[in-house]
C-alpha atoms as a PDB file:
ATOM      1  CA  MET A   1      84.823 117.275  97.135  1.00  0.00           C
ATOM      2  CA  MET A   2      87.400 116.639  94.435  1.00  0.00           C
ATOM      3  CA  LYS A   3      86.706 114.257  91.558  1.00  0.00           C
ATOM      4  CA  LYS A   4      90.352 113.165  91.314  1.00  0.00           C
ATOM      5  CA  PRO A   5      93.415 113.322  93.569  1.00  0.00           C
ATOM      6  CA  MET A   6      95.185 116.658  93.896  1.00  0.00           C
ATOM      7  CA  THR A   7      98.751 116.582  92.581  1.00  0.00           C
ATOM      8  CA  THR A   8     101.864 117.617  94.447  1.00  0.00           C
ATOM      9  CA  GLY A   9     102.144 120.661  92.181  1.00  0.00           C
ATOM     10  CA  GLU A  10      98.528 121.637  92.799  1.00  0.00           C
ATOM     11  CA  LEU A  11      99.068 121.375  96.559  1.00  0.00           C
ATOM     12  CA  PHE A  12     102.071 123.724  96.343  1.00  0.00           C
ATOM     13  CA  GLY A  13      99.983 126.135  94.242  1.00  0.00           C
ATOM     14  CA  LYS A  14      97.107 125.981  96.731  1.00  0.00           C
ATOM     15  CA  ILE A  15      99.341 126.757  99.711  1.00  0.00           C
ATOM     16  CA  LEU A  16     101.090 129.503  97.710  1.00  0.00           C
ATOM     17  CA  THR A  17      97.677 131.076  97.028  1.00  0.00           C
ATOM     18  CA  ILE A  18      96.730 130.875 100.711  1.00  0.00           C
ATOM     19  CA  LEU A  19     100.029 132.492 101.702  1.00  0.00           C
ATOM     20  CA  LYS A  20      99.440 135.299  99.167  1.00  0.00           C
ATOM     21  CA  GLU A  21      95.887 135.861 100.443  1.00  0.00           C
ATOM     22  CA  LYS A  22      97.176 136.077 104.020  1.00  0.00           C
ATOM     23  CA  ASP A  23     100.028 138.380 102.973  1.00  0.00           C
ATOM     24  CA  LYS A  24     102.614 135.849 104.190  1.00  0.00           C
ATOM     25  CA  LEU A  25     104.929 135.867 101.155  1.00  0.00           C
ATOM     26  CA  PRO A  26     108.107 137.839 101.805  1.00  0.00           C
ATOM     27  CA  ASP A  27     109.155 140.647  99.476  1.00  0.00           C
ATOM     28  CA  ILE A  28     112.623 139.120  99.047  1.00  0.00           C
ATOM     29  CA  LEU A  29     111.327 136.094  97.086  1.00  0.00           C
ATOM     30  CA  ASP A  30     112.509 135.777  93.511  1.00  0.00           C
ATOM     31  CA  TYR A  31     110.105 132.914  92.847  1.00  0.00           C
ATOM     32  CA  GLY A  32     107.941 130.147  94.184  1.00  0.00           C
ATOM     33  CA  LEU A  33     107.615 127.271  91.715  1.00  0.00           C
ATOM     34  CA  ALA A  34     105.642 124.062  91.909  1.00  0.00           C
ATOM     35  CA  THR A  35     107.412 120.854  90.928  1.00  0.00           C
ATOM     36  CA  ARG A  36     107.817 120.111  87.227  1.00  0.00           C
ATOM     37  CA  HIS A  37     106.976 116.468  87.937  1.00  0.00           C
ATOM     38  CA  PRO A  38     103.638 116.483  89.773  1.00  0.00           C
ATOM     39  CA  VAL A  39     102.116 113.223  90.960  1.00  0.00           C
ATOM     40  CA  PRO A  40      98.670 112.537  92.459  1.00  0.00           C
ATOM     41  CA  ILE A  41      98.455 112.583  96.251  1.00  0.00           C
ATOM     42  CA  ARG A  42      96.358 109.534  97.140  1.00  0.00           C
ATOM     43  CA  THR A  43      96.649 109.666 100.943  1.00  0.00           C
ATOM     44  CA  TYR A  44      96.718 112.304 103.647  1.00  0.00           C
ATOM     45  CA  GLN A  45      99.112 110.073 105.578  1.00  0.00           C
ATOM     46  CA  PHE A  46     102.287 111.672 104.307  1.00  0.00           C
ATOM     47  CA  GLU A  47     105.037 113.664 105.945  1.00  0.00           C
ATOM     48  CA  LEU A  48     105.825 117.125 104.640  1.00  0.00           C
ATOM     49  CA  LYS A  49     109.609 117.450 104.423  1.00  0.00           C
ATOM     50  CA  HIS A  50     111.696 120.521 103.702  1.00  0.00           C
ATOM     51  CA  ASN A  51     115.176 121.837 103.240  1.00  0.00           C
ATOM     52  CA  LEU A  52     116.168 125.443 103.893  1.00  0.00           C
ATOM     53  CA  ALA A  53     119.717 126.101 102.737  1.00  0.00           C
ATOM     54  CA  TYR A  54     122.084 128.471 101.023  1.00  0.00           C
ATOM     55  CA  GLY A  55     122.334 127.820  97.302  1.00  0.00           C
ATOM     56  CA  ASP A  56     125.519 126.463  95.759  1.00  0.00           C
ATOM     57  CA  SER A  57     126.356 129.763  94.110  1.00  0.00           C
ATOM     58  CA  GLU A  58     123.833 132.315  95.322  1.00  0.00           C
ATOM     59  CA  GLY A  59     120.824 132.988  97.483  1.00  0.00           C
ATOM     60  CA  ILE A  60     118.691 130.757  99.673  1.00  0.00           C
ATOM     61  CA  TYR A  61     116.446 127.880  98.629  1.00  0.00           C
ATOM     62  CA  LEU A  62     113.448 126.448 100.456  1.00  0.00           C
ATOM     63  CA  ASP A  63     112.443 123.077  99.000  1.00  0.00           C
ATOM     64  CA  PHE A  64     109.377 120.986  99.930  1.00  0.00           C
ATOM     65  CA  TRP A  65     108.532 117.340  99.269  1.00  0.00           C
ATOM     66  CA  ILE A  66     106.342 114.632 100.712  1.00  0.00           C
ATOM     67  CA  GLU A  67     107.275 111.147 101.901  1.00  0.00           C
ATOM     68  CA  TYR A  68     104.776 108.329 102.350  1.00  0.00           C
ATOM     69  CA  PHE A  69     104.383 104.584 102.136  1.00  0.00           C
ATOM     70  CA  SER A  70     102.150 102.769  99.692  1.00  0.00           C
ATOM     71  CA  GLY A  71     102.159  99.096 100.492  1.00  0.00           C
ATOM     72  CA  ASN A  72     105.682  98.461 101.726  1.00  0.00           C
ATOM     73  CA  GLU A  73     107.267 100.947  99.352  1.00  0.00           C
ATOM     74  CA  LYS A  74     108.476 104.397 100.383  1.00  0.00           C
ATOM     75  CA  HIS A  75     107.696 107.246  97.962  1.00  0.00           C
ATOM     76  CA  VAL A  76     109.301 110.681  97.810  1.00  0.00           C
ATOM     77  CA  ASN A  77     107.703 113.355  95.615  1.00  0.00           C
ATOM     78  CA  ASP A  78     108.665 116.994  95.171  1.00  0.00           C
ATOM     79  CA  ILE A  79     106.083 119.696  95.839  1.00  0.00           C
ATOM     80  CA  GLY A  80     107.908 122.929  95.032  1.00  0.00           C
ATOM     81  CA  THR A  81     110.633 125.466  95.751  1.00  0.00           C
ATOM     82  CA  PHE A  82     110.966 129.049  96.926  1.00  0.00           C
ATOM     83  CA  LYS A  83     114.120 131.031  96.167  1.00  0.00           C
ATOM     84  CA  THR A  84     115.633 134.384  96.999  1.00  0.00           C
ATOM     85  CA  LEU A  85     118.863 135.783  95.624  1.00  0.00           C
ATOM     86  CA  LYS A  86     119.513 137.370  99.003  1.00  0.00           C
ATOM     87  CA  ALA A  87     121.999 135.522 101.239  1.00  0.00           C
ATOM     88  CA  SER A  88     122.190 137.628 104.403  1.00  0.00           C
ATOM     89  CA  ASP A  89     121.445 136.453 107.936  1.00  0.00           C
ATOM     90  CA  GLU A  90     118.248 138.508 107.808  1.00  0.00           C
ATOM     91  CA  ALA A  91     117.207 136.800 104.535  1.00  0.00           C
ATOM     92  CA  MET A  92     117.715 133.389 106.167  1.00  0.00           C
ATOM     93  CA  HIS A  93     115.430 134.447 109.033  1.00  0.00           C
ATOM     94  CA  VAL A  94     112.805 135.658 106.546  1.00  0.00           C
ATOM     95  CA  MET A  95     112.944 132.358 104.645  1.00  0.00           C
ATOM     96  CA  ALA A  96     112.691 130.446 107.950  1.00  0.00           C
ATOM     97  CA  GLU A  97     109.510 132.384 108.696  1.00  0.00           C
ATOM     98  CA  LEU A  98     108.183 131.412 105.245  1.00  0.00           C
ATOM     99  CA  LEU A  99     109.009 127.784 106.071  1.00  0.00           C
ATOM    100  CA  ALA A 100     106.962 127.996 109.283  1.00  0.00           C
ATOM    101  CA  ASP A 101     104.055 129.717 107.521  1.00  0.00           C
ATOM    102  CA  PHE A 102     104.018 127.094 104.746  1.00  0.00           C
ATOM    103  CA  ILE A 103     103.961 124.227 107.265  1.00  0.00           C
ATOM    104  CA  ILE A 104     101.153 125.863 109.271  1.00  0.00           C
ATOM    105  CA  GLN A 105      98.986 126.562 106.213  1.00  0.00           C
ATOM    106  CA  GLU A 106      99.632 123.156 104.615  1.00  0.00           C
ATOM    107  CA  ASP A 107      98.697 121.353 107.832  1.00  0.00           C
ATOM    108  CA  ALA A 108      95.513 123.397 108.249  1.00  0.00           C
ATOM    109  CA  TYR A 109      94.520 122.868 104.603  1.00  0.00           C
ATOM    110  CA  ILE A 110      95.066 119.087 104.679  1.00  0.00           C
ATOM    111  CA  ASN A 111      93.181 118.692 107.968  1.00  0.00           C
ATOM    112  CA  LYS A 112      90.277 120.786 106.684  1.00  0.00           C
ATOM    113  CA  ASN A 113      90.114 118.751 103.447  1.00  0.00           C
ATOM    114  CA  LEU A 114      91.054 115.211 104.525  1.00  0.00           C
ATOM    115  CA  ASP A 115      88.554 113.617 102.177  1.00  0.00           C
ATOM    116  CA  ASP A 116      90.243 115.252  99.175  1.00  0.00           C
ATOM    117  CA  PHE A 117      93.414 113.370 100.155  1.00  0.00           C
ATOM    118  CA  THR A 118      91.788 109.988 100.809  1.00  0.00           C
ATOM    119  CA  TRP A 119      91.918 107.873  97.635  1.00  0.00           C
ATOM    120  CA  GLU A 120      93.163 104.523  98.908  1.00  0.00           C
ATOM    121  CA  GLY A 121      91.576 101.779 100.973  1.00  0.00           C
ATOM    122  CA  ALA A 122      88.118 101.998 102.517  1.00  0.00           C
ATOM    123  CA  ASP A 123      86.486 103.915 105.360  1.00  0.00           C
ATOM    124  CA  VAL A 124      84.051 102.339 107.796  1.00  0.00           C
ATOM    125  CA  HIS A 125      81.624 104.397 109.911  1.00  0.00           C
ATOM    126  CA  PRO A 126      79.007 103.192 112.380  1.00  0.00           C
ATOM    127  CA  ILE A 127      75.524 104.709 112.094  1.00  0.00           C
ATOM    128  CA  ASP A 128      73.373 105.257 115.172  1.00  0.00           C
ATOM    129  CA  GLU A 129      69.667 104.483 115.726  1.00  0.00           C
ATOM    130  CA  SER A 130      68.617 107.840 114.289  1.00  0.00           C
ATOM    131  CA  GLY A 131      70.455 107.145 111.017  1.00  0.00           C
ATOM    132  CA  LYS A 132      73.341 109.579 111.693  1.00  0.00           C
ATOM    133  CA  LYS A 133      76.955 108.635 111.117  1.00  0.00           C
ATOM    134  CA  ILE A 134      78.941 108.497 114.320  1.00  0.00           C
ATOM    135  CA  SER A 135      81.729 111.124 114.306  1.00  0.00           C
ATOM    136  CA  TRP A 136      84.513 108.522 114.342  1.00  0.00           C
ATOM    137  CA  GLY A 137      85.319 105.625 112.071  1.00  0.00           C
ATOM    138  CA  TYR A 138      88.078 103.437 110.704  1.00  0.00           C
ATOM    139  CA  SER A 139      90.349 103.742 107.697  1.00  0.00           C
ATOM    140  CA  CYS A 140      91.305 100.358 106.321  1.00  0.00           C
ATOM    141  CA  ASN A 141      93.999  99.470 103.794  1.00  0.00           C
ATOM    142  CA  SER A 142      91.737  97.118 101.858  1.00  0.00           C
ATOM    143  CA  MET A 143      88.072  96.403 101.270  1.00  0.00           C
ATOM    144  CA  GLU A 144      88.596  92.987 102.878  1.00  0.00           C
ATOM    145  CA  GLN A 145      89.733  94.663 106.121  1.00  0.00           C
ATOM    146  CA  ALA A 146      86.834  97.126 105.913  1.00  0.00           C
ATOM    147  CA  LEU A 147      84.255  94.346 105.558  1.00  0.00           C
ATOM    148  CA  LYS A 148      85.713  92.530 108.588  1.00  0.00           C
ATOM    149  CA  ARG A 149      85.532  95.764 110.596  1.00  0.00           C
ATOM    150  CA  LYS A 150      81.938  96.246 109.391  1.00  0.00           C
ATOM    151  CA  GLU A 151      80.970  92.834 110.835  1.00  0.00           C
ATOM    152  CA  GLU A 152      82.443  93.794 114.221  1.00  0.00           C
ATOM    153  CA  LEU A 153      80.596  97.129 114.247  1.00  0.00           C
ATOM    154  CA  LEU A 154      77.242  95.596 113.275  1.00  0.00           C
ATOM    155  CA  LYS A 155      77.312  93.726 116.616  1.00  0.00           C
ATOM    156  CA  LYS A 156      77.040  97.125 118.372  1.00  0.00           C
ATOM    157  CA  TYR A 157      75.374  99.447 115.835  1.00  0.00           C
ATOM    158  CA  PRO A 158      72.220  99.056 113.714  1.00  0.00           C
ATOM    159  CA  GLN A 159      73.939 100.237 110.518  1.00  0.00           C
ATOM    160  CA  VAL A 160      77.443 100.626 109.153  1.00  0.00           C
ATOM    161  CA  ALA A 161      78.613 102.560 106.090  1.00  0.00           C
ATOM    162  CA  VAL A 162      81.568 101.304 104.053  1.00  0.00           C
ATOM    163  CA  ARG A 163      83.105 103.577 101.445  1.00  0.00           C
ATOM    164  CA  ASP A 164      85.566 102.575  98.732  1.00  0.00           C
ATOM    165  CA  ASN A 165      87.853 105.610  98.686  1.00  0.00           C
ATOM    166  CA  ALA A 166      89.040 105.079  95.105  1.00  0.00           C
ATOM    167  CA  THR A 167      85.540 105.047  93.582  1.00  0.00           C
ATOM    168  CA  ARG A 168      83.839 107.180  96.268  1.00  0.00           C
ATOM    169  CA  GLN A 169      81.026 104.581  96.341  1.00  0.00           C
ATOM    170  CA  GLU A 170      79.417 104.008  99.731  1.00  0.00           C
ATOM    171  CA  ARG A 171      77.279 101.079 100.797  1.00  0.00           C
ATOM    172  CA  LYS A 172      75.198 100.785 103.950  1.00  0.00           C
ATOM    173  CA  PHE A 173      74.910  97.484 105.771  1.00  0.00           C
ATOM    174  CA  TYR A 174      72.198  96.654 108.315  1.00  0.00           C
ATOM    175  CA  ARG A 175      72.181  94.388 111.327  1.00  0.00           C
END
């Protein structure tokens, strides 16, 4: 588990490493660069966006960014860019394959590491009679919402765990 939120640049670097390890980076690439303005990713509830297009003067660019809401405000943060100087139809197909591979690997990585991308709000999980957390739970936007949810769950379950995602502190409550 991470001690601080991963940045947008670190996420690009992580997926780039995975693509290298799986031999999914095309030979035609001139570079793959993470954003110069990384920001912490505090929620897994973001949309990965992309643009695959011919450059203004040469080659093909593949740009990635994330979009998400925090409160009522929409945020857009760059992740990184791939570029090739090639501009043929075949090069566009190769870059489209890289786009698909990036999306697949990013989705798998986020889903495998959801907790590393959960730094806002609070999580609430019921605990059964044997003391084991039930496999499902609730993500709440605030501790106030989490504590209300906890009260509802204590009517059905002997224990409930509430975790503050920012501090990683968890408290157990009993019926």
